[in-house]
């Protein structure tokens, strides 16, 4: 289960490595909305897929904004 996921967490989809890193946008019950770098926004059913949390050292730095 993905009980530990909160908005802002970085994750990977274990069956879709080509989607790249994803950032959790929301986690309500078993529904987790994630924006992946190569697949866009995806809604994940946590009853079916267990996302892998990525540590802080593995996620990209924030974009510089002018």
C-alpha atoms as a PDB file:
ATOM      1  CA  UNK A   1       0.000   0.000   0.000  1.00  0.00           C
ATOM      2  CA  UNK A   2       1.042   3.630  -0.403  1.00  0.00           C
ATOM      3  CA  UNK A   3      -0.058   4.970   2.994  1.00  0.00           C
ATOM      4  CA  UNK A   4       3.165   6.971   3.374  1.00  0.00           C
ATOM      5  CA  UNK A   5       2.698   9.103   0.245  1.00  0.00           C
ATOM      6  CA  UNK A   6       1.841  12.761   0.631  1.00  0.00           C
ATOM      7  CA  UNK A   7       1.729  15.609  -1.890  1.00  0.00           C
ATOM      8  CA  UNK A   8       5.239  16.584  -2.902  1.00  0.00           C
ATOM      9  CA  UNK A   9       6.750  13.088  -2.508  1.00  0.00           C
ATOM     10  CA  UNK A  10       8.825  11.792  -5.416  1.00  0.00           C
ATOM     11  CA  UNK A  11       8.004   8.305  -6.729  1.00  0.00           C
ATOM     12  CA  UNK A  12       8.578   5.809  -9.523  1.00  0.00           C
ATOM     13  CA  UNK A  13       6.037   3.428 -11.049  1.00  0.00           C
ATOM     14  CA  UNK A  14       7.575  -0.063 -10.737  1.00  0.00           C
ATOM     15  CA  UNK A  15       6.019  -1.382 -13.969  1.00  0.00           C
ATOM     16  CA  UNK A  16       6.596   1.802 -16.012  1.00  0.00           C
ATOM     17  CA  UNK A  17      10.236   2.871 -15.524  1.00  0.00           C
ATOM     18  CA  UNK A  18      10.135   4.845 -18.794  1.00  0.00           C
ATOM     19  CA  UNK A  19       7.660   7.261 -17.147  1.00  0.00           C
ATOM     20  CA  UNK A  20      10.589   8.605 -15.106  1.00  0.00           C
ATOM     21  CA  UNK A  21      10.244  10.337 -11.773  1.00  0.00           C
ATOM     22  CA  UNK A  22       6.849  11.447 -10.596  1.00  0.00           C
ATOM     23  CA  UNK A  23       5.711  13.925  -7.989  1.00  0.00           C
ATOM     24  CA  UNK A  24       2.612  13.124  -5.954  1.00  0.00           C
ATOM     25  CA  UNK A  25      -0.043  15.810  -6.419  1.00  0.00           C
ATOM     26  CA  UNK A  26      -2.688  14.273  -4.171  1.00  0.00           C
ATOM     27  CA  UNK A  27      -3.356  11.095  -2.218  1.00  0.00           C
ATOM     28  CA  UNK A  28      -6.958  10.509  -1.207  1.00  0.00           C
ATOM     29  CA  UNK A  29      -7.775   7.058   0.037  1.00  0.00           C
ATOM     30  CA  UNK A  30      -6.521   4.589  -2.578  1.00  0.00           C
ATOM     31  CA  UNK A  31      -6.374   7.209  -5.347  1.00  0.00           C
ATOM     32  CA  UNK A  32      -2.999   8.835  -5.931  1.00  0.00           C
ATOM     33  CA  UNK A  33      -2.506  11.512  -8.579  1.00  0.00           C
ATOM     34  CA  UNK A  34       1.077  11.762  -9.822  1.00  0.00           C
ATOM     35  CA  UNK A  35       2.713  13.937 -12.460  1.00  0.00           C
ATOM     36  CA  UNK A  36       5.484  11.942 -14.170  1.00  0.00           C
ATOM     37  CA  UNK A  37       8.275  13.628 -16.123  1.00  0.00           C
ATOM     38  CA  UNK A  38       7.708  11.532 -19.295  1.00  0.00           C
ATOM     39  CA  UNK A  39       4.054  10.501 -18.947  1.00  0.00           C
ATOM     40  CA  UNK A  40       2.287  13.546 -17.525  1.00  0.00           C
ATOM     41  CA  UNK A  41      -0.496  13.318 -14.980  1.00  0.00           C
ATOM     42  CA  UNK A  42      -1.621   9.804 -14.056  1.00  0.00           C
ATOM     43  CA  UNK A  43      -4.165   8.581 -11.527  1.00  0.00           C
ATOM     44  CA  UNK A  44      -2.927   5.485  -9.695  1.00  0.00           C
ATOM     45  CA  UNK A  45      -5.060   2.969  -7.819  1.00  0.00           C
ATOM     46  CA  UNK A  46      -2.941   2.105  -4.765  1.00  0.00           C
ATOM     47  CA  UNK A  47      -4.860  -1.144  -4.365  1.00  0.00           C
ATOM     48  CA  UNK A  48      -3.343  -2.301  -7.670  1.00  0.00           C
ATOM     49  CA  UNK A  49       0.031  -0.495  -7.873  1.00  0.00           C
ATOM     50  CA  UNK A  50       2.513   0.180  -5.082  1.00  0.00           C
ATOM     51  CA  UNK A  51       4.571   3.189  -6.081  1.00  0.00           C
ATOM     52  CA  UNK A  52       8.226   3.294  -5.038  1.00  0.00           C
ATOM     53  CA  UNK A  53       9.194   6.375  -3.039  1.00  0.00           C
ATOM     54  CA  UNK A  54      12.395   8.066  -4.232  1.00  0.00           C
ATOM     55  CA  UNK A  55      14.747   9.684  -1.709  1.00  0.00           C
ATOM     56  CA  UNK A  56      15.476  13.415  -1.773  1.00  0.00           C
ATOM     57  CA  UNK A  57      18.928  12.848  -3.254  1.00  0.00           C
ATOM     58  CA  UNK A  58      17.398  11.154  -6.334  1.00  0.00           C
ATOM     59  CA  UNK A  59      14.860  13.751  -7.440  1.00  0.00           C
ATOM     60  CA  UNK A  60      15.585  16.720  -9.709  1.00  0.00           C
ATOM     61  CA  UNK A  61      16.250  20.151  -8.190  1.00  0.00           C
ATOM     62  CA  UNK A  62      13.533  22.797  -8.487  1.00  0.00           C
ATOM     63  CA  UNK A  63      13.540  24.769 -11.733  1.00  0.00           C
ATOM     64  CA  UNK A  64      15.200  28.177 -11.508  1.00  0.00           C
ATOM     65  CA  UNK A  65      12.675  30.914 -12.004  1.00  0.00           C
ATOM     66  CA  UNK A  66      13.631  34.405 -13.126  1.00  0.00           C
END
